[in-house]
Amino acid sequence: MIILSILLMLQLSACQSTKSNSRVIAGVFNASTQIQKKFIDRHAPQHIKVYNNIPYMQTPELGLDLYQSAHVAQFAPRPVIVWIHGGGWISGDKEHARGYFKRLADAGYNVVSVQYQFAPEAVYPAQLHQINQAVGYIQKHAAEYHLNAQQIFLAGDSAGANMASHYAGFVSNPVYAKAQNFEPVLEKTQLKGVILHCGIYDLSAFVQTAPEEMKLLEWGIVNLVQAYTGDRMQDTAFLDAISPRQHLSSAYPPVFISGGNKDFLTESQSMPFVQSLKQANVPVTEVFYPDSKELLVHEYQFMMGKKASRQTLQKTIEFLAQYAPEDHLETALK
């Protein structure tokens, strides 16, 4: 993916607009996503109930996908994992990690993958409001789909981890939510935890810490942030205002966080976020592999052929069980 990205970016001139640049980058991301999807699907459980494109919003038209165990009717309503997909805020696919979602559903959890509008056609905070609408839909239709809306986990990968962690900041910090004119439909007591992979949690640092030896990567990051923020990348105060790391409190939900040993975001974003979470006395389950000989790149968690990826999935399931325990789950699934 990186080689293809570089080849395409070399053809771009510096004078092109954020919209034009974003379109090219999105094309590269989406081509890679379609390839990755096939690998993630491999060996995924086939007996999972899947509801595709459930409409949760009409203007714009947006939907969500629901993954459930085939045994969903045999036990009490189970917790919901609301997953926000990645793609640099400008691209992606709610079905990208469907094979991964099936694995989580096979463990007894409901997984909701949310579609949202892409930047730069829609800029912050449009995506957060759409996620809020999706959560509201889940709450309203919980009985219909056999969901436990009192036990919700937010989850995301890459830019999706940014939005999931940001939404959790609104839920856990009413002062912050009010300052951003945001009213989350989710109560603090309903949000049991946050699952974050390969994310961005401090936008100012994201712009400033791209590897110096990879100027094209730096160029791409600039365009992604420009697209998402509506060309406000130079407004440091604004970037801080929409960075989850800057608005933590002890009320923030427990966090599961991971990143690959060959992903520059692990050292520049994930580990500093862990430090801030601990300083705020937030329970953290951190899963990194600094000494692993495996090549764990961005979004490694979906690459189930790797030992570390399988371990991370198992640790994720243990995290879910820790913060939403259900004694009857194991019996029901047998």
C-alpha atoms as a PDB file:
ATOM      1  CA  MET A   1       0.000   0.000   0.000  1.00  0.00           C
ATOM      2  CA  ILE A   2       2.763   2.484   0.885  1.00  0.00           C
ATOM      3  CA  ILE A   3       4.599   1.928  -2.414  1.00  0.00           C
ATOM      4  CA  LEU A   4       1.402   2.450  -4.400  1.00  0.00           C
ATOM      5  CA  SER A   5       0.622   5.578  -2.391  1.00  0.00           C
ATOM      6  CA  ILE A   6       4.039   7.060  -3.115  1.00  0.00           C
ATOM      7  CA  LEU A   7       3.773   6.368  -6.831  1.00  0.00           C
ATOM      8  CA  LEU A   8       0.460   8.135  -7.053  1.00  0.00           C
ATOM      9  CA  MET A   9       1.403  11.032  -4.809  1.00  0.00           C
ATOM     10  CA  LEU A  10       4.456  11.747  -6.936  1.00  0.00           C
ATOM     11  CA  GLN A  11       2.128  12.625  -9.769  1.00  0.00           C
ATOM     12  CA  LEU A  12       0.416  15.359  -7.745  1.00  0.00           C
ATOM     13  CA  SER A  13       1.468  18.975  -7.793  1.00  0.00           C
ATOM     14  CA  ALA A  14       1.655  21.038  -4.643  1.00  0.00           C
ATOM     15  CA  CYS A  15      -0.866  23.554  -5.951  1.00  0.00           C
ATOM     16  CA  GLN A  16      -3.789  21.131  -6.109  1.00  0.00           C
ATOM     17  CA  SER A  17      -6.688  21.674  -3.716  1.00  0.00           C
ATOM     18  CA  THR A  18      -7.390  19.681  -0.588  1.00  0.00           C
ATOM     19  CA  LYS A  19     -10.448  18.233  -2.329  1.00  0.00           C
ATOM     20  CA  SER A  20      -8.459  17.050  -5.350  1.00  0.00           C
ATOM     21  CA  ASN A  21      -5.648  15.625  -3.237  1.00  0.00           C
ATOM     22  CA  SER A  22      -8.100  13.881  -0.920  1.00  0.00           C
ATOM     23  CA  ARG A  23      -9.807  12.251  -3.874  1.00  0.00           C
ATOM     24  CA  VAL A  24      -6.529  10.733  -5.067  1.00  0.00           C
ATOM     25  CA  ILE A  25      -5.502   9.567  -1.592  1.00  0.00           C
ATOM     26  CA  ALA A  26      -8.961   8.095  -1.030  1.00  0.00           C
ATOM     27  CA  GLY A  27      -8.644   6.148  -4.272  1.00  0.00           C
ATOM     28  CA  VAL A  28      -5.403   4.587  -3.071  1.00  0.00           C
ATOM     29  CA  PHE A  29      -6.853   3.807   0.362  1.00  0.00           C
ATOM     30  CA  ASN A  30      -9.985   2.235  -1.098  1.00  0.00           C
ATOM     31  CA  ALA A  31      -8.042   0.041  -3.525  1.00  0.00           C
ATOM     32  CA  SER A  32      -5.982  -1.265  -0.623  1.00  0.00           C
ATOM     33  CA  THR A  33      -9.111  -1.748   1.489  1.00  0.00           C
ATOM     34  CA  GLN A  34     -10.712  -4.025  -1.084  1.00  0.00           C
ATOM     35  CA  ILE A  35      -7.619  -6.238  -1.121  1.00  0.00           C
ATOM     36  CA  GLN A  36      -7.371  -6.329   2.672  1.00  0.00           C
ATOM     37  CA  LYS A  37     -11.046  -7.209   2.986  1.00  0.00           C
ATOM     38  CA  LYS A  38     -10.479 -10.532   1.218  1.00  0.00           C
ATOM     39  CA  PHE A  39      -7.663 -11.474   3.585  1.00  0.00           C
ATOM     40  CA  ILE A  40      -9.699 -10.492   6.666  1.00  0.00           C
ATOM     41  CA  ASP A  41     -12.580 -12.644   5.410  1.00  0.00           C
ATOM     42  CA  ARG A  42     -10.416 -15.756   5.346  1.00  0.00           C
ATOM     43  CA  HIS A  43     -11.457 -18.382   7.887  1.00  0.00           C
ATOM     44  CA  ALA A  44     -14.039 -16.048   9.443  1.00  0.00           C
ATOM     45  CA  PRO A  45     -17.037 -17.819  11.021  1.00  0.00           C
ATOM     46  CA  GLN A  46     -19.792 -18.400   8.476  1.00  0.00           C
ATOM     47  CA  HIS A  47     -22.710 -18.965  10.831  1.00  0.00           C
ATOM     48  CA  ILE A  48     -23.076 -15.309  11.844  1.00  0.00           C
ATOM     49  CA  LYS A  49     -26.296 -13.344  11.422  1.00  0.00           C
ATOM     50  CA  VAL A  50     -25.598 -10.203   9.398  1.00  0.00           C
ATOM     51  CA  TYR A  51     -27.962  -7.317   8.735  1.00  0.00           C
ATOM     52  CA  ASN A  52     -26.520  -5.030   6.059  1.00  0.00           C
ATOM     53  CA  ASN A  53     -27.328  -1.388   5.424  1.00  0.00           C
ATOM     54  CA  ILE A  54     -29.851  -0.763   8.167  1.00  0.00           C
ATOM     55  CA  PRO A  55     -30.783   2.907   7.591  1.00  0.00           C
ATOM     56  CA  TYR A  56     -30.215   5.020  10.691  1.00  0.00           C
ATOM     57  CA  MET A  57     -30.318   8.452   9.034  1.00  0.00           C
ATOM     58  CA  GLN A  58     -32.195   9.838   6.023  1.00  0.00           C
ATOM     59  CA  THR A  59     -30.489  13.196   5.409  1.00  0.00           C
ATOM     60  CA  PRO A  60     -27.907  12.249   4.392  1.00  0.00           C
ATOM     61  CA  GLU A  61     -28.749   8.604   3.718  1.00  0.00           C
ATOM     62  CA  LEU A  62     -26.522   6.563   6.010  1.00  0.00           C
ATOM     63  CA  GLY A  63     -26.683   3.000   7.253  1.00  0.00           C
ATOM     64  CA  LEU A  64     -25.093   0.530   9.624  1.00  0.00           C
ATOM     65  CA  ASP A  65     -24.339  -3.188   9.577  1.00  0.00           C
ATOM     66  CA  LEU A  66     -25.129  -5.510  12.484  1.00  0.00           C
ATOM     67  CA  TYR A  67     -23.263  -8.758  13.205  1.00  0.00           C
ATOM     68  CA  GLN A  68     -24.655 -11.231  15.728  1.00  0.00           C
ATOM     69  CA  SER A  69     -24.036 -14.753  16.937  1.00  0.00           C
ATOM     70  CA  ALA A  70     -26.264 -17.368  15.389  1.00  0.00           C
ATOM     71  CA  HIS A  71     -27.234 -18.169  18.987  1.00  0.00           C
ATOM     72  CA  VAL A  72     -28.359 -14.622  19.794  1.00  0.00           C
ATOM     73  CA  ALA A  73     -31.868 -15.740  20.741  1.00  0.00           C
ATOM     74  CA  GLN A  74     -30.578 -18.295  23.250  1.00  0.00           C
ATOM     75  CA  PHE A  75     -29.250 -15.835  25.800  1.00  0.00           C
ATOM     76  CA  ALA A  76     -30.149 -12.490  27.295  1.00  0.00           C
ATOM     77  CA  PRO A  77     -29.356  -9.355  25.255  1.00  0.00           C
ATOM     78  CA  ARG A  78     -25.600  -9.001  24.974  1.00  0.00           C
ATOM     79  CA  PRO A  79     -23.327  -5.920  24.842  1.00  0.00           C
ATOM     80  CA  VAL A  80     -22.902  -3.884  21.669  1.00  0.00           C
ATOM     81  CA  ILE A  81     -19.604  -2.893  20.059  1.00  0.00           C
ATOM     82  CA  VAL A  82     -20.092   0.220  17.935  1.00  0.00           C
ATOM     83  CA  TRP A  83     -17.229   0.171  15.432  1.00  0.00           C
ATOM     84  CA  ILE A  84     -16.058   3.253  13.526  1.00  0.00           C
ATOM     85  CA  HIS A  85     -13.972   2.287  10.491  1.00  0.00           C
ATOM     86  CA  GLY A  86     -10.764   4.003   9.429  1.00  0.00           C
ATOM     87  CA  GLY A  87      -9.700   5.590   6.171  1.00  0.00           C
ATOM     88  CA  GLY A  88      -8.126   8.909   7.080  1.00  0.00           C
ATOM     89  CA  TRP A  89     -11.556  10.560   7.476  1.00  0.00           C
ATOM     90  CA  ILE A  90     -11.785  10.652   3.665  1.00  0.00           C
ATOM     91  CA  SER A  91     -12.405   7.031   2.698  1.00  0.00           C
ATOM     92  CA  GLY A  92     -13.056   3.537   3.962  1.00  0.00           C
ATOM     93  CA  ASP A  93     -15.807   0.975   4.115  1.00  0.00           C
ATOM     94  CA  LYS A  94     -17.983  -0.204   6.991  1.00  0.00           C
ATOM     95  CA  GLU A  95     -17.626  -3.729   5.572  1.00  0.00           C
ATOM     96  CA  HIS A  96     -13.824  -3.601   5.389  1.00  0.00           C
ATOM     97  CA  ALA A  97     -13.329  -5.662   8.561  1.00  0.00           C
ATOM     98  CA  ARG A  98     -16.484  -7.753   8.309  1.00  0.00           C
ATOM     99  CA  GLY A  99     -14.469 -10.952   8.821  1.00  0.00           C
ATOM    100  CA  TYR A 100     -13.110  -9.505  12.066  1.00  0.00           C
ATOM    101  CA  PHE A 101     -16.591  -8.455  13.197  1.00  0.00           C
ATOM    102  CA  LYS A 102     -17.801 -12.001  12.594  1.00  0.00           C
ATOM    103  CA  ARG A 103     -15.108 -13.251  14.959  1.00  0.00           C
ATOM    104  CA  LEU A 104     -16.295 -10.858  17.667  1.00  0.00           C
ATOM    105  CA  ALA A 105     -19.910 -11.851  17.036  1.00  0.00           C
ATOM    106  CA  ASP A 106     -18.920 -15.506  17.322  1.00  0.00           C
ATOM    107  CA  ALA A 107     -17.637 -14.687  20.807  1.00  0.00           C
ATOM    108  CA  GLY A 108     -21.148 -13.560  21.711  1.00  0.00           C
ATOM    109  CA  TYR A 109     -21.044  -9.809  21.099  1.00  0.00           C
ATOM    110  CA  ASN A 110     -23.175  -7.656  18.851  1.00  0.00           C
ATOM    111  CA  VAL A 111     -21.073  -5.581  16.459  1.00  0.00           C
ATOM    112  CA  VAL A 112     -22.454  -2.497  14.748  1.00  0.00           C
ATOM    113  CA  SER A 113     -20.308  -1.018  11.977  1.00  0.00           C
ATOM    114  CA  VAL A 114     -21.288   2.567  11.198  1.00  0.00           C
ATOM    115  CA  GLN A 115     -21.257   4.378   7.864  1.00  0.00           C
ATOM    116  CA  TYR A 116     -20.466   8.099   8.008  1.00  0.00           C
ATOM    117  CA  GLN A 117     -19.820  10.903   5.520  1.00  0.00           C
ATOM    118  CA  PHE A 118     -16.294  11.504   4.305  1.00  0.00           C
ATOM    119  CA  ALA A 119     -14.243  14.671   4.357  1.00  0.00           C
ATOM    120  CA  PRO A 120     -13.821  17.118   2.746  1.00  0.00           C
ATOM    121  CA  GLU A 121     -17.452  17.039   1.565  1.00  0.00           C
ATOM    122  CA  ALA A 122     -18.411  16.826   5.249  1.00  0.00           C
ATOM    123  CA  VAL A 123     -16.082  18.240   7.893  1.00  0.00           C
ATOM    124  CA  TYR A 124     -15.858  18.010  11.661  1.00  0.00           C
ATOM    125  CA  PRO A 125     -18.133  17.717  13.606  1.00  0.00           C
ATOM    126  CA  ALA A 126     -20.524  16.186  11.047  1.00  0.00           C
ATOM    127  CA  GLN A 127     -19.080  12.687  11.498  1.00  0.00           C
ATOM    128  CA  LEU A 128     -19.412  12.820  15.290  1.00  0.00           C
ATOM    129  CA  HIS A 129     -23.050  13.870  15.005  1.00  0.00           C
ATOM    130  CA  GLN A 130     -23.689  10.966  12.630  1.00  0.00           C
ATOM    131  CA  ILE A 131     -22.107   8.521  15.062  1.00  0.00           C
ATOM    132  CA  ASN A 132     -24.379  10.012  17.709  1.00  0.00           C
ATOM    133  CA  GLN A 133     -27.392   9.359  15.476  1.00  0.00           C
ATOM    134  CA  ALA A 134     -26.294   5.753  14.974  1.00  0.00           C
ATOM    135  CA  VAL A 135     -25.991   5.225  18.723  1.00  0.00           C
ATOM    136  CA  GLY A 136     -29.454   6.720  19.164  1.00  0.00           C
ATOM    137  CA  TYR A 137     -30.822   4.274  16.605  1.00  0.00           C
ATOM    138  CA  ILE A 138     -29.248   1.380  18.483  1.00  0.00           C
ATOM    139  CA  GLN A 139     -30.858   2.522  21.707  1.00  0.00           C
ATOM    140  CA  LYS A 140     -34.267   2.937  20.096  1.00  0.00           C
ATOM    141  CA  HIS A 141     -34.215  -0.451  18.354  1.00  0.00           C
ATOM    142  CA  ALA A 142     -32.384  -2.480  21.007  1.00  0.00           C
ATOM    143  CA  ALA A 143     -35.320  -4.781  21.756  1.00  0.00           C
ATOM    144  CA  GLU A 144     -35.984  -5.399  18.048  1.00  0.00           C
ATOM    145  CA  TYR A 145     -32.450  -6.661  17.464  1.00  0.00           C
ATOM    146  CA  HIS A 146     -31.920  -8.269  20.870  1.00  0.00           C
ATOM    147  CA  LEU A 147     -29.246  -5.762  21.970  1.00  0.00           C
ATOM    148  CA  ASN A 148     -28.182  -4.637  25.430  1.00  0.00           C
ATOM    149  CA  ALA A 149     -28.087  -0.855  24.984  1.00  0.00           C
ATOM    150  CA  GLN A 150     -26.986  -0.479  28.600  1.00  0.00           C
ATOM    151  CA  GLN A 151     -23.635  -2.062  27.770  1.00  0.00           C
ATOM    152  CA  ILE A 152     -22.043  -0.304  24.825  1.00  0.00           C
ATOM    153  CA  PHE A 153     -18.403  -0.282  23.760  1.00  0.00           C
ATOM    154  CA  LEU A 154     -17.053   2.243  21.279  1.00  0.00           C
ATOM    155  CA  ALA A 155     -14.365   0.935  18.955  1.00  0.00           C
ATOM    156  CA  GLY A 156     -12.398   2.143  15.973  1.00  0.00           C
ATOM    157  CA  ASP A 157      -9.303   1.743  13.857  1.00  0.00           C
ATOM    158  CA  SER A 158      -7.040   4.520  12.564  1.00  0.00           C
ATOM    159  CA  ALA A 159      -9.188   7.631  11.947  1.00  0.00           C
ATOM    160  CA  GLY A 160     -12.075   5.611  13.352  1.00  0.00           C
ATOM    161  CA  ALA A 161     -10.159   5.290  16.626  1.00  0.00           C
ATOM    162  CA  ASN A 162      -9.831   9.062  16.633  1.00  0.00           C
ATOM    163  CA  MET A 163     -13.596   9.500  16.336  1.00  0.00           C
ATOM    164  CA  ALA A 164     -14.441   6.744  18.807  1.00  0.00           C
ATOM    165  CA  SER A 165     -12.090   8.197  21.426  1.00  0.00           C
ATOM    166  CA  HIS A 166     -13.420  11.694  20.698  1.00  0.00           C
ATOM    167  CA  TYR A 167     -17.042  10.622  21.144  1.00  0.00           C
ATOM    168  CA  ALA A 168     -16.077   8.939  24.428  1.00  0.00           C
ATOM    169  CA  GLY A 169     -14.631  12.283  25.507  1.00  0.00           C
ATOM    170  CA  PHE A 170     -18.000  13.927  24.935  1.00  0.00           C
ATOM    171  CA  VAL A 171     -19.831  11.234  26.870  1.00  0.00           C
ATOM    172  CA  SER A 172     -17.456  11.326  29.842  1.00  0.00           C
ATOM    173  CA  ASN A 173     -16.818  15.081  29.990  1.00  0.00           C
ATOM    174  CA  PRO A 174     -20.049  17.152  29.896  1.00  0.00           C
ATOM    175  CA  VAL A 175     -18.120  20.430  30.130  1.00  0.00           C
ATOM    176  CA  TYR A 176     -16.136  19.515  27.028  1.00  0.00           C
ATOM    177  CA  ALA A 177     -19.275  18.393  25.181  1.00  0.00           C
ATOM    178  CA  LYS A 178     -21.032  21.658  26.011  1.00  0.00           C
ATOM    179  CA  ALA A 179     -18.039  23.696  24.844  1.00  0.00           C
ATOM    180  CA  GLN A 180     -18.265  21.883  21.492  1.00  0.00           C
ATOM    181  CA  ASN A 181     -22.083  22.244  21.325  1.00  0.00           C
ATOM    182  CA  PHE A 182     -22.451  18.485  21.370  1.00  0.00           C
ATOM    183  CA  GLU A 183     -25.167  16.483  23.136  1.00  0.00           C
ATOM    184  CA  PRO A 184     -24.312  12.765  23.241  1.00  0.00           C
ATOM    185  CA  VAL A 185     -27.299  10.448  23.446  1.00  0.00           C
ATOM    186  CA  LEU A 186     -25.182   7.944  25.349  1.00  0.00           C
ATOM    187  CA  GLU A 187     -24.987   8.160  29.141  1.00  0.00           C
ATOM    188  CA  LYS A 188     -21.722   7.588  30.989  1.00  0.00           C
ATOM    189  CA  THR A 189     -23.190   4.538  32.713  1.00  0.00           C
ATOM    190  CA  GLN A 190     -23.975   2.940  29.339  1.00  0.00           C
ATOM    191  CA  LEU A 191     -20.469   3.323  27.925  1.00  0.00           C
ATOM    192  CA  LYS A 192     -18.495   0.398  29.317  1.00  0.00           C
ATOM    193  CA  GLY A 193     -15.246   0.810  27.415  1.00  0.00           C
ATOM    194  CA  VAL A 194     -13.373   1.970  24.334  1.00  0.00           C
ATOM    195  CA  ILE A 195     -11.348  -0.221  21.941  1.00  0.00           C
ATOM    196  CA  LEU A 196      -8.738   1.666  19.929  1.00  0.00           C
ATOM    197  CA  HIS A 197      -6.377   0.422  17.218  1.00  0.00           C
ATOM    198  CA  CYS A 198      -3.668   2.413  15.430  1.00  0.00           C
ATOM    199  CA  GLY A 199      -5.370   5.718  16.117  1.00  0.00           C
ATOM    200  CA  ILE A 200      -4.781   9.460  16.182  1.00  0.00           C
ATOM    201  CA  TYR A 201      -5.485  11.155  19.505  1.00  0.00           C
ATOM    202  CA  ASP A 202      -3.607  14.463  19.261  1.00  0.00           C
ATOM    203  CA  LEU A 203      -4.052  16.225  15.936  1.00  0.00           C
ATOM    204  CA  SER A 204      -1.365  18.849  16.506  1.00  0.00           C
ATOM    205  CA  ALA A 205       1.185  16.140  17.226  1.00  0.00           C
ATOM    206  CA  PHE A 206      -0.099  14.146  14.257  1.00  0.00           C
ATOM    207  CA  VAL A 207       0.766  16.986  11.918  1.00  0.00           C
ATOM    208  CA  GLN A 208       4.116  17.693  13.564  1.00  0.00           C
ATOM    209  CA  THR A 209       5.517  14.178  13.996  1.00  0.00           C
ATOM    210  CA  ALA A 210       5.310  12.564  10.546  1.00  0.00           C
ATOM    211  CA  PRO A 211       8.638  10.803   9.910  1.00  0.00           C
ATOM    212  CA  GLU A 212      11.052  13.334   8.425  1.00  0.00           C
ATOM    213  CA  GLU A 213      12.446  10.733   6.031  1.00  0.00           C
ATOM    214  CA  MET A 214       8.990  10.246   4.501  1.00  0.00           C
ATOM    215  CA  LYS A 215       8.010  13.676   3.176  1.00  0.00           C
ATOM    216  CA  LEU A 216       5.265  12.189   1.035  1.00  0.00           C
ATOM    217  CA  LEU A 217       3.696  10.685   4.126  1.00  0.00           C
ATOM    218  CA  GLU A 218       3.888  14.116   5.743  1.00  0.00           C
ATOM    219  CA  TRP A 219       2.216  15.590   2.677  1.00  0.00           C
ATOM    220  CA  GLY A 220      -0.570  13.030   2.944  1.00  0.00           C
ATOM    221  CA  ILE A 221      -1.124  13.746   6.633  1.00  0.00           C
ATOM    222  CA  VAL A 222      -1.413  17.469   5.958  1.00  0.00           C
ATOM    223  CA  ASN A 223      -4.106  16.817   3.375  1.00  0.00           C
ATOM    224  CA  LEU A 224      -6.039  14.434   5.619  1.00  0.00           C
ATOM    225  CA  VAL A 225      -6.165  16.910   8.497  1.00  0.00           C
ATOM    226  CA  GLN A 226      -6.993  19.775   6.133  1.00  0.00           C
ATOM    227  CA  ALA A 227      -9.879  17.749   4.734  1.00  0.00           C
ATOM    228  CA  TYR A 228     -11.304  16.750   8.114  1.00  0.00           C
ATOM    229  CA  THR A 229     -10.978  20.168   9.733  1.00  0.00           C
ATOM    230  CA  GLY A 230     -12.169  22.253   6.801  1.00  0.00           C
ATOM    231  CA  ASP A 231      -8.712  23.703   6.041  1.00  0.00           C
ATOM    232  CA  ARG A 232      -8.049  24.637   9.678  1.00  0.00           C
ATOM    233  CA  MET A 233      -4.851  22.647  10.025  1.00  0.00           C
ATOM    234  CA  GLN A 234      -2.883  25.768  10.955  1.00  0.00           C
ATOM    235  CA  ASP A 235      -5.263  26.596  13.821  1.00  0.00           C
ATOM    236  CA  THR A 236      -3.459  24.916  16.716  1.00  0.00           C
ATOM    237  CA  ALA A 237      -6.090  25.942  19.253  1.00  0.00           C
ATOM    238  CA  PHE A 238      -8.781  24.329  17.126  1.00  0.00           C
ATOM    239  CA  LEU A 239      -6.751  21.138  16.694  1.00  0.00           C
ATOM    240  CA  ASP A 240      -6.280  20.934  20.459  1.00  0.00           C
ATOM    241  CA  ALA A 241      -9.999  21.545  20.969  1.00  0.00           C
ATOM    242  CA  ILE A 242     -10.881  18.484  18.880  1.00  0.00           C
ATOM    243  CA  SER A 243      -8.087  16.200  20.138  1.00  0.00           C
ATOM    244  CA  PRO A 244      -9.261  13.519  22.593  1.00  0.00           C
ATOM    245  CA  ARG A 245      -5.952  13.532  24.460  1.00  0.00           C
ATOM    246  CA  GLN A 246      -6.503  17.130  25.562  1.00  0.00           C
ATOM    247  CA  HIS A 247      -9.867  16.476  27.231  1.00  0.00           C
ATOM    248  CA  LEU A 248      -9.497  13.434  29.443  1.00  0.00           C
ATOM    249  CA  SER A 249     -10.927  13.038  32.919  1.00  0.00           C
ATOM    250  CA  SER A 250     -11.154  10.260  35.478  1.00  0.00           C
ATOM    251  CA  ALA A 251     -14.681   9.625  34.175  1.00  0.00           C
ATOM    252  CA  TYR A 252     -13.312   8.459  30.821  1.00  0.00           C
ATOM    253  CA  PRO A 253     -14.265   4.791  30.249  1.00  0.00           C
ATOM    254  CA  PRO A 254     -11.727   1.935  30.419  1.00  0.00           C
ATOM    255  CA  VAL A 255      -9.549   1.759  27.316  1.00  0.00           C
ATOM    256  CA  PHE A 256      -8.118  -1.093  25.289  1.00  0.00           C
ATOM    257  CA  ILE A 257      -5.417   0.308  23.011  1.00  0.00           C
ATOM    258  CA  SER A 258      -3.021  -1.272  20.563  1.00  0.00           C
ATOM    259  CA  GLY A 259      -0.702  -0.465  17.670  1.00  0.00           C
ATOM    260  CA  GLY A 260       1.861  -2.183  15.488  1.00  0.00           C
ATOM    261  CA  ASN A 261       5.628  -2.123  16.054  1.00  0.00           C
ATOM    262  CA  LYS A 262       6.147  -0.778  12.514  1.00  0.00           C
ATOM    263  CA  ASP A 263       3.438   1.875  12.643  1.00  0.00           C
ATOM    264  CA  PHE A 264       4.831   5.342  13.420  1.00  0.00           C
ATOM    265  CA  LEU A 265       1.496   6.182  15.088  1.00  0.00           C
ATOM    266  CA  THR A 266       2.252   3.723  17.889  1.00  0.00           C
ATOM    267  CA  GLU A 267       5.126   5.787  19.283  1.00  0.00           C
ATOM    268  CA  SER A 268       3.844   9.220  18.276  1.00  0.00           C
ATOM    269  CA  GLN A 269       0.146   8.797  19.156  1.00  0.00           C
ATOM    270  CA  SER A 270      -0.825   5.613  21.011  1.00  0.00           C
ATOM    271  CA  MET A 271       1.885   5.591  23.676  1.00  0.00           C
ATOM    272  CA  PRO A 272       1.517   9.295  24.570  1.00  0.00           C
ATOM    273  CA  PHE A 273      -2.237   8.746  24.797  1.00  0.00           C
ATOM    274  CA  VAL A 274      -1.644   5.848  27.184  1.00  0.00           C
ATOM    275  CA  GLN A 275       0.466   8.133  29.378  1.00  0.00           C
ATOM    276  CA  SER A 276      -2.279  10.758  29.457  1.00  0.00           C
ATOM    277  CA  LEU A 277      -4.933   8.155  30.250  1.00  0.00           C
ATOM    278  CA  LYS A 278      -2.912   6.860  33.174  1.00  0.00           C
ATOM    279  CA  GLN A 279      -2.316  10.388  34.459  1.00  0.00           C
ATOM    280  CA  ALA A 280      -6.101  10.829  34.448  1.00  0.00           C
ATOM    281  CA  ASN A 281      -6.474   7.526  36.370  1.00  0.00           C
ATOM    282  CA  VAL A 282      -8.297   5.842  33.513  1.00  0.00           C
ATOM    283  CA  PRO A 283      -8.003   2.022  33.431  1.00  0.00           C
ATOM    284  CA  VAL A 284      -5.893   1.060  30.418  1.00  0.00           C
ATOM    285  CA  THR A 285      -5.203  -2.270  28.759  1.00  0.00           C
ATOM    286  CA  GLU A 286      -2.261  -1.592  26.439  1.00  0.00           C
ATOM    287  CA  VAL A 287      -1.220  -4.185  23.871  1.00  0.00           C
ATOM    288  CA  PHE A 288       2.000  -3.444  22.010  1.00  0.00           C
ATOM    289  CA  TYR A 289       4.694  -5.723  20.632  1.00  0.00           C
ATOM    290  CA  PRO A 290       7.972  -3.783  20.644  1.00  0.00           C
ATOM    291  CA  ASP A 291      10.103  -6.930  20.804  1.00  0.00           C
ATOM    292  CA  SER A 292       8.146  -8.993  18.295  1.00  0.00           C
ATOM    293  CA  LYS A 293       9.983 -10.176  15.191  1.00  0.00           C
ATOM    294  CA  GLU A 294       6.735  -9.981  13.248  1.00  0.00           C
ATOM    295  CA  LEU A 295       6.207  -7.019  10.935  1.00  0.00           C
ATOM    296  CA  LEU A 296       3.204  -5.332  12.531  1.00  0.00           C
ATOM    297  CA  VAL A 297       2.224  -2.425  10.317  1.00  0.00           C
ATOM    298  CA  HIS A 298      -0.682   0.003  10.481  1.00  0.00           C
ATOM    299  CA  GLU A 299      -3.959  -1.915  11.021  1.00  0.00           C
ATOM    300  CA  TYR A 300      -2.034  -5.082  11.915  1.00  0.00           C
ATOM    301  CA  GLN A 301      -4.870  -6.175  14.214  1.00  0.00           C
ATOM    302  CA  PHE A 302      -6.937  -7.309  11.229  1.00  0.00           C
ATOM    303  CA  MET A 303      -4.158  -9.502   9.790  1.00  0.00           C
ATOM    304  CA  MET A 304      -5.213 -12.744  11.395  1.00  0.00           C
ATOM    305  CA  GLY A 305      -2.370 -14.732   9.884  1.00  0.00           C
ATOM    306  CA  LYS A 306      -0.040 -13.115  12.423  1.00  0.00           C
ATOM    307  CA  LYS A 307       0.399 -14.471  15.928  1.00  0.00           C
ATOM    308  CA  ALA A 308       0.285 -10.991  17.481  1.00  0.00           C
ATOM    309  CA  SER A 309      -2.999 -10.217  15.718  1.00  0.00           C
ATOM    310  CA  ARG A 310      -4.628 -13.380  17.079  1.00  0.00           C
ATOM    311  CA  GLN A 311      -3.326 -12.557  20.550  1.00  0.00           C
ATOM    312  CA  THR A 312      -4.734  -9.053  20.300  1.00  0.00           C
ATOM    313  CA  LEU A 313      -8.164 -10.398  19.355  1.00  0.00           C
ATOM    314  CA  GLN A 314      -8.101 -12.732  22.358  1.00  0.00           C
ATOM    315  CA  LYS A 315      -7.073  -9.891  24.660  1.00  0.00           C
ATOM    316  CA  THR A 316      -9.891  -7.789  23.202  1.00  0.00           C
ATOM    317  CA  ILE A 317     -12.434 -10.458  24.079  1.00  0.00           C
ATOM    318  CA  GLU A 318     -10.983 -10.663  27.592  1.00  0.00           C
ATOM    319  CA  PHE A 319     -11.311  -6.873  27.905  1.00  0.00           C
ATOM    320  CA  LEU A 320     -14.954  -7.029  26.843  1.00  0.00           C
ATOM    321  CA  ALA A 321     -15.680  -9.777  29.369  1.00  0.00           C
ATOM    322  CA  GLN A 322     -13.936  -7.823  32.134  1.00  0.00           C
ATOM    323  CA  TYR A 323     -16.009  -4.686  31.724  1.00  0.00           C
ATOM    324  CA  ALA A 324     -19.315  -6.265  30.717  1.00  0.00           C
ATOM    325  CA  PRO A 325     -19.291  -9.606  32.531  1.00  0.00           C
ATOM    326  CA  GLU A 326     -22.049 -12.092  31.756  1.00  0.00           C
ATOM    327  CA  ASP A 327     -21.837 -15.343  33.695  1.00  0.00           C
ATOM    328  CA  HIS A 328     -24.367 -17.021  31.407  1.00  0.00           C
ATOM    329  CA  LEU A 329     -22.501 -16.289  28.185  1.00  0.00           C
ATOM    330  CA  GLU A 330     -20.222 -19.331  28.149  1.00  0.00           C
ATOM    331  CA  THR A 331     -23.105 -21.674  28.953  1.00  0.00           C
ATOM    332  CA  ALA A 332     -25.329 -20.132  26.317  1.00  0.00           C
ATOM    333  CA  LEU A 333     -22.755 -20.488  23.577  1.00  0.00           C
ATOM    334  CA  LYS A 334     -22.118 -24.182  24.167  1.00  0.00           C
END
